[in-house]
Amino acid sequence: MNSLALILTALDTGAATSAKLIANDAIKDAYDGLKRRIKYKFMGKPSAEMALIEHEKDPETWEAPLKKALLQAHLDQDNDIIEAAQEVMTRVNPQQAALSKYNVQITGSIQGFAQGEQVIQ
């Protein structure tokens, strides 16, 4: 999983998990920490800040604008952000985090898919 995909997955998963009543404080804290770090990096960039806020409410609609904002701010290369995203995923699913693996679930039809170690398309 590349760093951008990791950050987006952590934001999606953190939002979905922390919204549930069963989410523990460790997950909520890790997710809030990731959002806080990203929000700090987006300071002074209103469209990026809005994409982060709105993404939590409607991930499908706001994924592309958030992805663009993350790339423009080079957050996919920011170790602090990447580590915070890894922390969210570790809290949400410690078994997969221990294996450094994440399941990919596909719904709907696709035209091409590659999964595995060092896949080149």
PDB file of N, CA and C in Angstrom:
ATOM      1  N   MET A   1       0.860  -1.169   0.000  1.00  0.00           N
ATOM      2  CA  MET A   1       0.000   0.000   0.000  1.00  0.00           C
ATOM      3  C   MET A   1       0.905   1.230   0.000  1.00  0.00           C
ATOM      4  N   ASN A   2       0.693   2.123  -0.952  1.00  0.00           N
ATOM      5  CA  ASN A   2       1.520   3.325  -0.967  1.00  0.00           C
ATOM      6  C   ASN A   2       1.065   4.295   0.119  1.00  0.00           C
ATOM      7  N   SER A   3       1.871   5.296   0.381  1.00  0.00           N
ATOM      8  CA  SER A   3       1.599   6.187   1.506  1.00  0.00           C
ATOM      9  C   SER A   3       0.313   6.991   1.322  1.00  0.00           C
ATOM     10  N   LEU A   4       0.001   7.416   0.114  1.00  0.00           N
ATOM     11  CA  LEU A   4      -1.235   8.153  -0.124  1.00  0.00           C
ATOM     12  C   LEU A   4      -2.446   7.273   0.144  1.00  0.00           C
ATOM     13  N   ALA A   5      -2.409   6.054  -0.354  1.00  0.00           N
ATOM     14  CA  ALA A   5      -3.508   5.111  -0.106  1.00  0.00           C
ATOM     15  C   ALA A   5      -3.639   4.826   1.386  1.00  0.00           C
ATOM     16  N   LEU A   6      -2.519   4.706   2.082  1.00  0.00           N
ATOM     17  CA  LEU A   6      -2.540   4.477   3.522  1.00  0.00           C
ATOM     18  C   LEU A   6      -3.227   5.632   4.245  1.00  0.00           C
ATOM     19  N   ILE A   7      -2.879   6.866   3.891  1.00  0.00           N
ATOM     20  CA  ILE A   7      -3.474   8.032   4.548  1.00  0.00           C
ATOM     21  C   ILE A   7      -4.975   8.087   4.291  1.00  0.00           C
ATOM     22  N   LEU A   8      -5.380   7.896   3.036  1.00  0.00           N
ATOM     23  CA  LEU A   8      -6.805   7.924   2.705  1.00  0.00           C
ATOM     24  C   LEU A   8      -7.563   6.790   3.392  1.00  0.00           C
ATOM     25  N   THR A   9      -6.978   5.602   3.422  1.00  0.00           N
ATOM     26  CA  THR A   9      -7.609   4.469   4.092  1.00  0.00           C
ATOM     27  C   THR A   9      -7.745   4.729   5.585  1.00  0.00           C
ATOM     28  N   ALA A  10      -6.712   5.285   6.186  1.00  0.00           N
ATOM     29  CA  ALA A  10      -6.762   5.599   7.619  1.00  0.00           C
ATOM     30  C   ALA A  10      -7.837   6.635   7.911  1.00  0.00           C
ATOM     31  N   LEU A  11      -7.968   7.649   7.055  1.00  0.00           N
ATOM     32  CA  LEU A  11      -9.012   8.651   7.254  1.00  0.00           C
ATOM     33  C   LEU A  11     -10.398   8.043   7.096  1.00  0.00           C
ATOM     34  N   ASP A  12     -10.586   7.225   6.059  1.00  0.00           N
ATOM     35  CA  ASP A  12     -11.880   6.561   5.853  1.00  0.00           C
ATOM     36  C   ASP A  12     -12.215   5.638   7.016  1.00  0.00           C
ATOM     37  N   THR A  13     -11.268   4.789   7.366  1.00  0.00           N
ATOM     38  CA  THR A  13     -11.485   3.798   8.420  1.00  0.00           C
ATOM     39  C   THR A  13     -11.654   4.468   9.774  1.00  0.00           C
ATOM     40  N   GLY A  14     -10.828   5.464  10.046  1.00  0.00           N
ATOM     41  CA  GLY A  14     -10.928   6.175  11.313  1.00  0.00           C
ATOM     42  C   GLY A  14     -12.261   6.860  11.474  1.00  0.00           C
ATOM     43  N   ALA A  15     -12.747   7.500  10.420  1.00  0.00           N
ATOM     44  CA  ALA A  15     -14.037   8.181  10.471  1.00  0.00           C
ATOM     45  C   ALA A  15     -15.167   7.186  10.697  1.00  0.00           C
ATOM     46  N   ALA A  16     -15.140   6.092   9.958  1.00  0.00           N
ATOM     47  CA  ALA A  16     -16.201   5.084  10.087  1.00  0.00           C
ATOM     48  C   ALA A  16     -16.174   4.426  11.456  1.00  0.00           C
ATOM     49  N   THR A  17     -14.989   4.129  11.948  1.00  0.00           N
ATOM     50  CA  THR A  17     -14.865   3.429  13.227  1.00  0.00           C
ATOM     51  C   THR A  17     -15.158   4.347  14.398  1.00  0.00           C
ATOM     52  N   SER A  18     -14.656   5.569  14.363  1.00  0.00           N
ATOM     53  CA  SER A  18     -14.858   6.460  15.498  1.00  0.00           C
ATOM     54  C   SER A  18     -16.305   6.937  15.593  1.00  0.00           C
ATOM     55  N   ALA A  19     -17.047   6.850  14.488  1.00  0.00           N
ATOM     56  CA  ALA A  19     -18.456   7.225  14.512  1.00  0.00           C
ATOM     57  C   ALA A  19     -19.310   6.178  15.229  1.00  0.00           C
ATOM     58  N   LYS A  20     -18.805   4.970  15.321  1.00  0.00           N
ATOM     59  CA  LYS A  20     -19.549   3.902  15.992  1.00  0.00           C
ATOM     60  C   LYS A  20     -19.376   4.018  17.498  1.00  0.00           C
ATOM     61  N   LEU A  21     -20.397   3.637  18.201  1.00  0.00           N
ATOM     62  CA  LEU A  21     -20.356   3.700  19.661  1.00  0.00           C
ATOM     63  C   LEU A  21     -19.352   2.721  20.252  1.00  0.00           C
ATOM     64  N   ILE A  22     -19.014   1.670  19.499  1.00  0.00           N
ATOM     65  CA  ILE A  22     -18.112   0.650  20.026  1.00  0.00           C
ATOM     66  C   ILE A  22     -16.642   1.020  19.898  1.00  0.00           C
ATOM     67  N   ALA A  23     -16.370   2.092  19.175  1.00  0.00           N
ATOM     68  CA  ALA A  23     -14.973   2.481  18.985  1.00  0.00           C
ATOM     69  C   ALA A  23     -14.329   2.814  20.325  1.00  0.00           C
ATOM     70  N   ASN A  24     -13.120   2.328  20.511  1.00  0.00           N
ATOM     71  CA  ASN A  24     -12.444   2.621  21.769  1.00  0.00           C
ATOM     72  C   ASN A  24     -11.702   3.944  21.687  1.00  0.00           C
ATOM     73  N   ASP A  25     -11.288   4.430  22.828  1.00  0.00           N
ATOM     74  CA  ASP A  25     -10.624   5.730  22.898  1.00  0.00           C
ATOM     75  C   ASP A  25      -9.311   5.757  22.117  1.00  0.00           C
ATOM     76  N   ALA A  26      -8.611   4.632  22.067  1.00  0.00           N
ATOM     77  CA  ALA A  26      -7.339   4.587  21.357  1.00  0.00           C
ATOM     78  C   ALA A  26      -7.537   4.848  19.860  1.00  0.00           C
ATOM     79  N   ILE A  27      -8.594   4.287  19.290  1.00  0.00           N
ATOM     80  CA  ILE A  27      -8.891   4.508  17.869  1.00  0.00           C
ATOM     81  C   ILE A  27      -9.263   5.967  17.651  1.00  0.00           C
ATOM     82  N   LYS A  28     -10.162   6.478  18.492  1.00  0.00           N
ATOM     83  CA  LYS A  28     -10.584   7.872  18.346  1.00  0.00           C
ATOM     84  C   LYS A  28      -9.410   8.824  18.508  1.00  0.00           C
ATOM     85  N   ASP A  29      -8.556   8.564  19.478  1.00  0.00           N
ATOM     86  CA  ASP A  29      -7.387   9.429  19.701  1.00  0.00           C
ATOM     87  C   ASP A  29      -6.428   9.397  18.516  1.00  0.00           C
ATOM     88  N   ALA A  30      -6.183   8.204  17.977  1.00  0.00           N
ATOM     89  CA  ALA A  30      -5.280   8.079  16.829  1.00  0.00           C
ATOM     90  C   ALA A  30      -5.864   8.795  15.608  1.00  0.00           C
ATOM     91  N   TYR A  31      -7.143   8.613  15.376  1.00  0.00           N
ATOM     92  CA  TYR A  31      -7.815   9.260  14.252  1.00  0.00           C
ATOM     93  C   TYR A  31      -7.806  10.783  14.410  1.00  0.00           C
ATOM     94  N   ASP A  32      -8.154  11.252  15.604  1.00  0.00           N
ATOM     95  CA  ASP A  32      -8.136  12.697  15.863  1.00  0.00           C
ATOM     96  C   ASP A  32      -6.731  13.272  15.693  1.00  0.00           C
ATOM     97  N   GLY A  33      -5.724  12.515  16.102  1.00  0.00           N
ATOM     98  CA  GLY A  33      -4.343  12.953  15.940  1.00  0.00           C
ATOM     99  C   GLY A  33      -3.957  13.089  14.477  1.00  0.00           C
ATOM    100  N   LEU A  34      -4.381  12.134  13.662  1.00  0.00           N
ATOM    101  CA  LEU A  34      -4.103  12.198  12.227  1.00  0.00           C
ATOM    102  C   LEU A  34      -4.780  13.414  11.605  1.00  0.00           C
ATOM    103  N   LYS A  35      -6.057  13.595  11.918  1.00  0.00           N
ATOM    104  CA  LYS A  35      -6.777  14.751  11.375  1.00  0.00           C
ATOM    105  C   LYS A  35      -6.141  16.070  11.812  1.00  0.00           C
ATOM    106  N   ARG A  36      -5.761  16.143  13.073  1.00  0.00           N
ATOM    107  CA  ARG A  36      -5.150  17.364  13.612  1.00  0.00           C
ATOM    108  C   ARG A  36      -3.840  17.691  12.880  1.00  0.00           C
ATOM    109  N   ARG A  37      -3.029  16.666  12.636  1.00  0.00           N
ATOM    110  CA  ARG A  37      -1.762  16.875  11.922  1.00  0.00           C
ATOM    111  C   ARG A  37      -2.003  17.347  10.485  1.00  0.00           C
ATOM    112  N   ILE A  38      -2.960  16.717   9.812  1.00  0.00           N
ATOM    113  CA  ILE A  38      -3.271  17.108   8.432  1.00  0.00           C
ATOM    114  C   ILE A  38      -3.835  18.520   8.405  1.00  0.00           C
ATOM    115  N   LYS A  39      -4.739  18.807   9.332  1.00  0.00           N
ATOM    116  CA  LYS A  39      -5.342  20.139   9.391  1.00  0.00           C
ATOM    117  C   LYS A  39      -4.262  21.205   9.597  1.00  0.00           C
ATOM    118  N   TYR A  40      -3.280  20.919  10.424  1.00  0.00           N
ATOM    119  CA  TYR A  40      -2.184  21.860  10.658  1.00  0.00           C
ATOM    120  C   TYR A  40      -1.403  22.107   9.363  1.00  0.00           C
ATOM    121  N   LYS A  41      -1.153  21.031   8.624  1.00  0.00           N
ATOM    122  CA  LYS A  41      -0.399  21.153   7.367  1.00  0.00           C
ATOM    123  C   LYS A  41      -1.214  21.896   6.297  1.00  0.00           C
ATOM    124  N   PHE A  42      -2.547  21.830   6.405  1.00  0.00           N
ATOM    125  CA  PHE A  42      -3.427  22.492   5.452  1.00  0.00           C
ATOM    126  C   PHE A  42      -3.717  23.949   5.837  1.00  0.00           C
ATOM    127  N   MET A  43      -3.194  24.423   6.957  1.00  0.00           N
ATOM    128  CA  MET A  43      -3.480  25.774   7.419  1.00  0.00           C
ATOM    129  C   MET A  43      -3.187  26.801   6.330  1.00  0.00           C
ATOM    130  N   GLY A  44      -4.142  27.709   6.141  1.00  0.00           N
ATOM    131  CA  GLY A  44      -3.980  28.743   5.123  1.00  0.00           C
ATOM    132  C   GLY A  44      -4.389  28.298   3.726  1.00  0.00           C
ATOM    133  N   LYS A  45      -4.884  27.073   3.611  1.00  0.00           N
ATOM    134  CA  LYS A  45      -5.346  26.544   2.326  1.00  0.00           C
ATOM    135  C   LYS A  45      -6.813  26.156   2.499  1.00  0.00           C
ATOM    136  N   PRO A  46      -7.731  27.112   2.346  1.00  0.00           N
ATOM    137  CA  PRO A  46      -9.149  26.876   2.641  1.00  0.00           C
ATOM    138  C   PRO A  46      -9.763  25.692   1.895  1.00  0.00           C
ATOM    139  N   SER A  47      -9.402  25.522   0.632  1.00  0.00           N
ATOM    140  CA  SER A  47     -10.015  24.412  -0.125  1.00  0.00           C
ATOM    141  C   SER A  47      -9.533  23.063   0.414  1.00  0.00           C
ATOM    142  N   ALA A  48      -8.281  22.992   0.835  1.00  0.00           N
ATOM    143  CA  ALA A  48      -7.755  21.754   1.405  1.00  0.00           C
ATOM    144  C   ALA A  48      -8.402  21.477   2.764  1.00  0.00           C
ATOM    145  N   GLU A  49      -8.548  22.516   3.575  1.00  0.00           N
ATOM    146  CA  GLU A  49      -9.194  22.362   4.883  1.00  0.00           C
ATOM    147  C   GLU A  49     -10.633  21.884   4.711  1.00  0.00           C
ATOM    148  N   MET A  50     -11.339  22.471   3.739  1.00  0.00           N
ATOM    149  CA  MET A  50     -12.726  22.079   3.499  1.00  0.00           C
ATOM    150  C   MET A  50     -12.801  20.626   3.018  1.00  0.00           C
ATOM    151  N   ALA A  51     -11.878  20.213   2.161  1.00  0.00           N
ATOM    152  CA  ALA A  51     -11.877  18.834   1.666  1.00  0.00           C
ATOM    153  C   ALA A  51     -11.712  17.854   2.819  1.00  0.00           C
ATOM    154  N   LEU A  52     -10.846  18.173   3.768  1.00  0.00           N
ATOM    155  CA  LEU A  52     -10.637  17.300   4.926  1.00  0.00           C
ATOM    156  C   LEU A  52     -11.899  17.209   5.770  1.00  0.00           C
ATOM    157  N   ILE A  53     -12.527  18.332   6.042  1.00  0.00           N
ATOM    158  CA  ILE A  53     -13.741  18.365   6.868  1.00  0.00           C
ATOM    159  C   ILE A  53     -14.884  17.638   6.173  1.00  0.00           C
ATOM    160  N   GLU A  54     -15.094  17.950   4.905  1.00  0.00           N
ATOM    161  CA  GLU A  54     -16.214  17.356   4.168  1.00  0.00           C
ATOM    162  C   GLU A  54     -15.993  15.878   3.870  1.00  0.00           C
ATOM    163  N   HIS A  55     -14.750  15.463   3.728  1.00  0.00           N
ATOM    164  CA  HIS A  55     -14.443  14.054   3.469  1.00  0.00           C
ATOM    165  C   HIS A  55     -14.963  13.167   4.590  1.00  0.00           C
ATOM    166  N   GLU A  56     -14.888  13.650   5.803  1.00  0.00           N
ATOM    167  CA  GLU A  56     -15.375  12.866   6.939  1.00  0.00           C
ATOM    168  C   GLU A  56     -16.878  12.617   6.830  1.00  0.00           C
ATOM    169  N   LYS A  57     -17.611  13.572   6.292  1.00  0.00           N
ATOM    170  CA  LYS A  57     -19.063  13.461   6.163  1.00  0.00           C
ATOM    171  C   LYS A  57     -19.473  12.664   4.927  1.00  0.00           C
ATOM    172  N   ASP A  58     -18.728  12.832   3.840  1.00  0.00           N
ATOM    173  CA  ASP A  58     -19.081  12.219   2.554  1.00  0.00           C
ATOM    174  C   ASP A  58     -17.808  11.798   1.811  1.00  0.00           C
ATOM    175  N   PRO A  59     -17.217  10.669   2.234  1.00  0.00           N
ATOM    176  CA  PRO A  59     -15.934  10.252   1.657  1.00  0.00           C
ATOM    177  C   PRO A  59     -15.951  10.047   0.146  1.00  0.00           C
ATOM    178  N   GLU A  60     -17.020   9.517  -0.397  1.00  0.00           N
ATOM    179  CA  GLU A  60     -17.045   9.249  -1.837  1.00  0.00           C
ATOM    180  C   GLU A  60     -16.936  10.535  -2.652  1.00  0.00           C
ATOM    181  N   THR A  61     -17.675  11.540  -2.267  1.00  0.00           N
ATOM    182  CA  THR A  61     -17.687  12.802  -3.002  1.00  0.00           C
ATOM    183  C   THR A  61     -16.379  13.569  -2.822  1.00  0.00           C
ATOM    184  N   TRP A  62     -15.820  13.512  -1.630  1.00  0.00           N
ATOM    185  CA  TRP A  62     -14.673  14.359  -1.302  1.00  0.00           C
ATOM    186  C   TRP A  62     -13.325  13.651  -1.382  1.00  0.00           C
ATOM    187  N   GLU A  63     -13.294  12.390  -1.796  1.00  0.00           N
ATOM    188  CA  GLU A  63     -12.014  11.682  -1.877  1.00  0.00           C
ATOM    189  C   GLU A  63     -11.068  12.315  -2.903  1.00  0.00           C
ATOM    190  N   ALA A  64     -11.581  12.624  -4.077  1.00  0.00           N
ATOM    191  CA  ALA A  64     -10.713  13.205  -5.120  1.00  0.00           C
ATOM    192  C   ALA A  64     -10.150  14.571  -4.701  1.00  0.00           C
ATOM    193  N   PRO A  65     -10.990  15.494  -4.183  1.00  0.00           N
ATOM    194  CA  PRO A  65     -10.412  16.769  -3.743  1.00  0.00           C
ATOM    195  C   PRO A  65      -9.424  16.609  -2.582  1.00  0.00           C
ATOM    196  N   LEU A  66      -9.703  15.688  -1.670  1.00  0.00           N
ATOM    197  CA  LEU A  66      -8.777  15.471  -0.558  1.00  0.00           C
ATOM    198  C   LEU A  66      -7.474  14.867  -1.056  1.00  0.00           C
ATOM    199  N   LYS A  67      -7.573  13.914  -1.956  1.00  0.00           N
ATOM    200  CA  LYS A  67      -6.373  13.295  -2.526  1.00  0.00           C
ATOM    201  C   LYS A  67      -5.507  14.349  -3.208  1.00  0.00           C
ATOM    202  N   LYS A  68      -6.132  15.231  -3.972  1.00  0.00           N
ATOM    203  CA  LYS A  68      -5.405  16.305  -4.644  1.00  0.00           C
ATOM    204  C   LYS A  68      -4.724  17.212  -3.626  1.00  0.00           C
ATOM    205  N   ALA A  69      -5.435  17.565  -2.561  1.00  0.00           N
ATOM    206  CA  ALA A  69      -4.870  18.438  -1.527  1.00  0.00           C
ATOM    207  C   ALA A  69      -3.703  17.765  -0.810  1.00  0.00           C
ATOM    208  N   LEU A  70      -3.831  16.476  -0.529  1.00  0.00           N
ATOM    209  CA  LEU A  70      -2.744  15.737   0.129  1.00  0.00           C
ATOM    210  C   LEU A  70      -1.496  15.718  -0.755  1.00  0.00           C
ATOM    211  N   LEU A  71      -1.701  15.498  -2.042  1.00  0.00           N
ATOM    212  CA  LEU A  71      -0.570  15.467  -2.974  1.00  0.00           C
ATOM    213  C   LEU A  71       0.071  16.847  -3.142  1.00  0.00           C
ATOM    214  N   GLN A  72      -0.764  17.878  -3.258  1.00  0.00           N
ATOM    215  CA  GLN A  72      -0.225  19.230  -3.427  1.00  0.00           C
ATOM    216  C   GLN A  72       0.588  19.670  -2.213  1.00  0.00           C
ATOM    217  N   ALA A  73       0.183  19.216  -1.034  1.00  0.00           N
ATOM    218  CA  ALA A  73       0.916  19.559   0.191  1.00  0.00           C
ATOM    219  C   ALA A  73       2.047  18.571   0.471  1.00  0.00           C
ATOM    220  N   HIS A  74       2.208  17.590  -0.395  1.00  0.00           N
ATOM    221  CA  HIS A  74       3.252  16.567  -0.274  1.00  0.00           C
ATOM    222  C   HIS A  74       3.132  15.783   1.031  1.00  0.00           C
ATOM    223  N   LEU A  75       1.897  15.599   1.496  1.00  0.00           N
ATOM    224  CA  LEU A  75       1.704  14.866   2.748  1.00  0.00           C
ATOM    225  C   LEU A  75       1.906  13.365   2.575  1.00  0.00           C
ATOM    226  N   ASP A  76       1.892  12.900   1.339  1.00  0.00           N
ATOM    227  CA  ASP A  76       2.181  11.492   1.080  1.00  0.00           C
ATOM    228  C   ASP A  76       3.661  11.194   1.292  1.00  0.00           C
ATOM    229  N   GLN A  77       4.459  12.252   1.487  1.00  0.00           N
ATOM    230  CA  GLN A  77       5.893  12.096   1.750  1.00  0.00           C
ATOM    231  C   GLN A  77       6.270  12.576   3.155  1.00  0.00           C
ATOM    232  N   ASP A  78       5.272  12.939   3.941  1.00  0.00           N
ATOM    233  CA  ASP A  78       5.493  13.484   5.279  1.00  0.00           C
ATOM    234  C   ASP A  78       5.497  12.340   6.299  1.00  0.00           C
ATOM    235  N   ASN A  79       6.655  12.069   6.883  1.00  0.00           N
ATOM    236  CA  ASN A  79       6.777  10.935   7.814  1.00  0.00           C
ATOM    237  C   ASN A  79       5.839  11.041   9.000  1.00  0.00           C
ATOM    238  N   ASP A  80       5.618  12.239   9.507  1.00  0.00           N
ATOM    239  CA  ASP A  80       4.726  12.430  10.649  1.00  0.00           C
ATOM    240  C   ASP A  80       3.298  12.017  10.297  1.00  0.00           C
ATOM    241  N   ILE A  81       2.838  12.398   9.113  1.00  0.00           N
ATOM    242  CA  ILE A  81       1.487  12.055   8.656  1.00  0.00           C
ATOM    243  C   ILE A  81       1.395  10.554   8.388  1.00  0.00           C
ATOM    244  N   ILE A  82       2.397   9.996   7.752  1.00  0.00           N
ATOM    245  CA  ILE A  82       2.397   8.561   7.451  1.00  0.00           C
ATOM    246  C   ILE A  82       2.379   7.739   8.737  1.00  0.00           C
ATOM    247  N   GLU A  83       3.188   8.134   9.711  1.00  0.00           N
ATOM    248  CA  GLU A  83       3.205   7.419  10.994  1.00  0.00           C
ATOM    249  C   GLU A  83       1.869   7.537  11.711  1.00  0.00           C
ATOM    250  N   ALA A  84       1.232   8.702  11.634  1.00  0.00           N
ATOM    251  CA  ALA A  84      -0.083   8.878  12.262  1.00  0.00           C
ATOM    252  C   ALA A  84      -1.126   7.997  11.574  1.00  0.00           C
ATOM    253  N   ALA A  85      -1.046   7.884  10.252  1.00  0.00           N
ATOM    254  CA  ALA A  85      -1.970   7.014   9.513  1.00  0.00           C
ATOM    255  C   ALA A  85      -1.738   5.552   9.877  1.00  0.00           C
ATOM    256  N   GLN A  86      -0.470   5.161  10.000  1.00  0.00           N
ATOM    257  CA  GLN A  86      -0.160   3.787  10.411  1.00  0.00           C
ATOM    258  C   GLN A  86      -0.695   3.505  11.813  1.00  0.00           C
ATOM    259  N   GLU A  87      -0.631   4.500  12.685  1.00  0.00           N
ATOM    260  CA  GLU A  87      -1.144   4.328  14.047  1.00  0.00           C
ATOM    261  C   GLU A  87      -2.652   4.078  14.043  1.00  0.00           C
ATOM    262  N   VAL A  88      -3.377   4.803  13.199  1.00  0.00           N
ATOM    263  CA  VAL A  88      -4.822   4.581  13.086  1.00  0.00           C
ATOM    264  C   VAL A  88      -5.084   3.143  12.662  1.00  0.00           C
ATOM    265  N   MET A  89      -4.409   2.700  11.614  1.00  0.00           N
ATOM    266  CA  MET A  89      -4.640   1.355  11.108  1.00  0.00           C
ATOM    267  C   MET A  89      -4.233   0.293  12.126  1.00  0.00           C
ATOM    268  N   THR A  90      -3.187   0.551  12.877  1.00  0.00           N
ATOM    269  CA  THR A  90      -2.758  -0.382  13.916  1.00  0.00           C
ATOM    270  C   THR A  90      -3.814  -0.494  15.007  1.00  0.00           C
ATOM    271  N   ARG A  91      -4.400   0.631  15.384  1.00  0.00           N
ATOM    272  CA  ARG A  91      -5.447   0.626  16.426  1.00  0.00           C
ATOM    273  C   ARG A  91      -6.718  -0.054  15.938  1.00  0.00           C
ATOM    274  N   VAL A  92      -7.057   0.155  14.672  1.00  0.00           N
ATOM    275  CA  VAL A  92      -8.289  -0.414  14.124  1.00  0.00           C
ATOM    276  C   VAL A  92      -8.160  -1.917  13.938  1.00  0.00           C
ATOM    277  N   ASN A  93      -7.026  -2.354  13.413  1.00  0.00           N
ATOM    278  CA  ASN A  93      -6.859  -3.773  13.119  1.00  0.00           C
ATOM    279  C   ASN A  93      -5.439  -4.210  13.461  1.00  0.00           C
ATOM    280  N   PRO A  94      -5.188  -4.489  14.742  1.00  0.00           N
ATOM    281  CA  PRO A  94      -3.835  -4.823  15.167  1.00  0.00           C
ATOM    282  C   PRO A  94      -3.276  -6.107  14.545  1.00  0.00           C
ATOM    283  N   GLN A  95      -4.136  -7.084  14.233  1.00  0.00           N
ATOM    284  CA  GLN A  95      -3.645  -8.327  13.644  1.00  0.00           C
ATOM    285  C   GLN A  95      -3.045  -8.079  12.269  1.00  0.00           C
ATOM    286  N   GLN A  96      -3.744  -7.351  11.426  1.00  0.00           N
ATOM    287  CA  GLN A  96      -3.220  -7.078  10.088  1.00  0.00           C
ATOM    288  C   GLN A  96      -2.030  -6.133  10.147  1.00  0.00           C
ATOM    289  N   ALA A  97      -2.071  -5.196  11.074  1.00  0.00           N
ATOM    290  CA  ALA A  97      -0.942  -4.277  11.211  1.00  0.00           C
ATOM    291  C   ALA A  97       0.321  -5.045  11.602  1.00  0.00           C
ATOM    292  N   ALA A  98       0.164  -6.048  12.450  1.00  0.00           N
ATOM    293  CA  ALA A  98       1.314  -6.852  12.862  1.00  0.00           C
ATOM    294  C   ALA A  98       1.917  -7.599  11.679  1.00  0.00           C
ATOM    295  N   LEU A  99       1.074  -7.968  10.734  1.00  0.00           N
ATOM    296  CA  LEU A  99       1.537  -8.677   9.543  1.00  0.00           C
ATOM    297  C   LEU A  99       1.911  -7.719   8.414  1.00  0.00           C
ATOM    298  N   SER A 100       1.627  -6.436   8.632  1.00  0.00           N
ATOM    299  CA  SER A 100       1.839  -5.408   7.602  1.00  0.00           C
ATOM    300  C   SER A 100       1.040  -5.717   6.343  1.00  0.00           C
ATOM    301  N   LYS A 101      -0.130  -6.271   6.533  1.00  0.00           N
ATOM    302  CA  LYS A 101      -0.996  -6.612   5.410  1.00  0.00           C
ATOM    303  C   LYS A 101      -2.376  -6.031   5.654  1.00  0.00           C
ATOM    304  N   TYR A 102      -3.053  -5.690   4.564  1.00  0.00           N
ATOM    305  CA  TYR A 102      -4.427  -5.226   4.638  1.00  0.00           C
ATOM    306  C   TYR A 102      -5.224  -5.910   3.539  1.00  0.00           C
ATOM    307  N   ASN A 103      -6.431  -6.337   3.874  1.00  0.00           N
ATOM    308  CA  ASN A 103      -7.297  -6.976   2.896  1.00  0.00           C
ATOM    309  C   ASN A 103      -7.851  -5.936   1.945  1.00  0.00           C
ATOM    310  N   VAL A 104      -8.007  -6.311   0.701  1.00  0.00           N
ATOM    311  CA  VAL A 104      -8.635  -5.454  -0.278  1.00  0.00           C
ATOM    312  C   VAL A 104      -9.992  -6.049  -0.585  1.00  0.00           C
ATOM    313  N   GLN A 105     -11.032  -5.240  -0.427  1.00  0.00           N
ATOM    314  CA  GLN A 105     -12.384  -5.686  -0.717  1.00  0.00           C
ATOM    315  C   GLN A 105     -12.911  -4.866  -1.871  1.00  0.00           C
ATOM    316  N   ILE A 106     -13.376  -5.552  -2.887  1.00  0.00           N
ATOM    317  CA  ILE A 106     -13.866  -4.868  -4.079  1.00  0.00           C
ATOM    318  C   ILE A 106     -15.350  -5.150  -4.205  1.00  0.00           C
ATOM    319  N   THR A 107     -16.118  -4.084  -4.389  1.00  0.00           N
ATOM    320  CA  THR A 107     -17.538  -4.242  -4.659  1.00  0.00           C
ATOM    321  C   THR A 107     -17.807  -3.619  -6.013  1.00  0.00           C
ATOM    322  N   GLY A 108     -18.676  -4.234  -6.756  1.00  0.00           N
ATOM    323  CA  GLY A 108     -18.946  -3.738  -8.094  1.00  0.00           C
ATOM    324  C   GLY A 108     -18.013  -4.371  -9.104  1.00  0.00           C
ATOM    325  N   SER A 109     -18.072  -3.874 -10.308  1.00  0.00           N
ATOM    326  CA  SER A 109     -17.238  -4.450 -11.367  1.00  0.00           C
ATOM    327  C   SER A 109     -15.961  -3.639 -11.530  1.00  0.00           C
ATOM    328  N   ILE A 110     -14.901  -4.314 -11.927  1.00  0.00           N
ATOM    329  CA  ILE A 110     -13.631  -3.655 -12.189  1.00  0.00           C
ATOM    330  C   ILE A 110     -13.083  -4.161 -13.509  1.00  0.00           C
ATOM    331  N   GLN A 111     -12.174  -3.420 -14.105  1.00  0.00           N
ATOM    332  CA  GLN A 111     -11.579  -3.853 -15.361  1.00  0.00           C
ATOM    333  C   GLN A 111     -10.181  -4.411 -15.177  1.00  0.00           C
ATOM    334  N   GLY A 112      -9.530  -4.038 -14.119  1.00  0.00           N
ATOM    335  CA  GLY A 112      -8.185  -4.542 -13.882  1.00  0.00           C
ATOM    336  C   GLY A 112      -7.846  -4.435 -12.409  1.00  0.00           C
ATOM    337  N   PHE A 113      -7.121  -5.404 -11.892  1.00  0.00           N
ATOM    338  CA  PHE A 113      -6.757  -5.379 -10.481  1.00  0.00           C
ATOM    339  C   PHE A 113      -5.477  -6.163 -10.295  1.00  0.00           C
ATOM    340  N   ALA A 114      -4.568  -5.611  -9.531  1.00  0.00           N
ATOM    341  CA  ALA A 114      -3.324  -6.307  -9.212  1.00  0.00           C
ATOM    342  C   ALA A 114      -3.085  -6.191  -7.725  1.00  0.00           C
ATOM    343  N   GLN A 115      -2.697  -7.280  -7.100  1.00  0.00           N
ATOM    344  CA  GLN A 115      -2.437  -7.273  -5.664  1.00  0.00           C
ATOM    345  C   GLN A 115      -1.225  -8.133  -5.395  1.00  0.00           C
ATOM    346  N   GLY A 116      -0.441  -7.731  -4.413  1.00  0.00           N
ATOM    347  CA  GLY A 116       0.703  -8.529  -4.034  1.00  0.00           C
ATOM    348  C   GLY A 116       1.899  -7.690  -3.732  1.00  0.00           C
ATOM    349  N   GLU A 117       3.006  -8.344  -3.525  1.00  0.00           N
ATOM    350  CA  GLU A 117       4.253  -7.663  -3.199  1.00  0.00           C
ATOM    351  C   GLU A 117       4.887  -7.129  -4.485  1.00  0.00           C
ATOM    352  N   GLN A 118       5.250  -5.880  -4.503  1.00  0.00           N
ATOM    353  CA  GLN A 118       5.975  -5.244  -5.608  1.00  0.00           C
ATOM    354  C   GLN A 118       5.347  -5.487  -6.971  1.00  0.00           C
ATOM    355  N   VAL A 119       4.023  -5.255  -7.039  1.00  0.00           N
ATOM    356  CA  VAL A 119       3.298  -5.444  -8.287  1.00  0.00           C
ATOM    357  C   VAL A 119       3.573  -4.266  -9.214  1.00  0.00           C
ATOM    358  N   ILE A 120       3.830  -4.564 -10.474  1.00  0.00           N
ATOM    359  CA  ILE A 120       4.039  -3.529 -11.480  1.00  0.00           C
ATOM    360  C   ILE A 120       2.996  -3.728 -12.560  1.00  0.00           C
ATOM    361  N   GLN A 121       2.296  -2.637 -12.910  1.00  0.00           N
ATOM    362  CA  GLN A 121       1.290  -2.709 -13.960  1.00  0.00           C
ATOM    363  C   GLN A 121       1.692  -1.856 -15.115  1.00  0.00           C
TER     364      GLN A 121
END
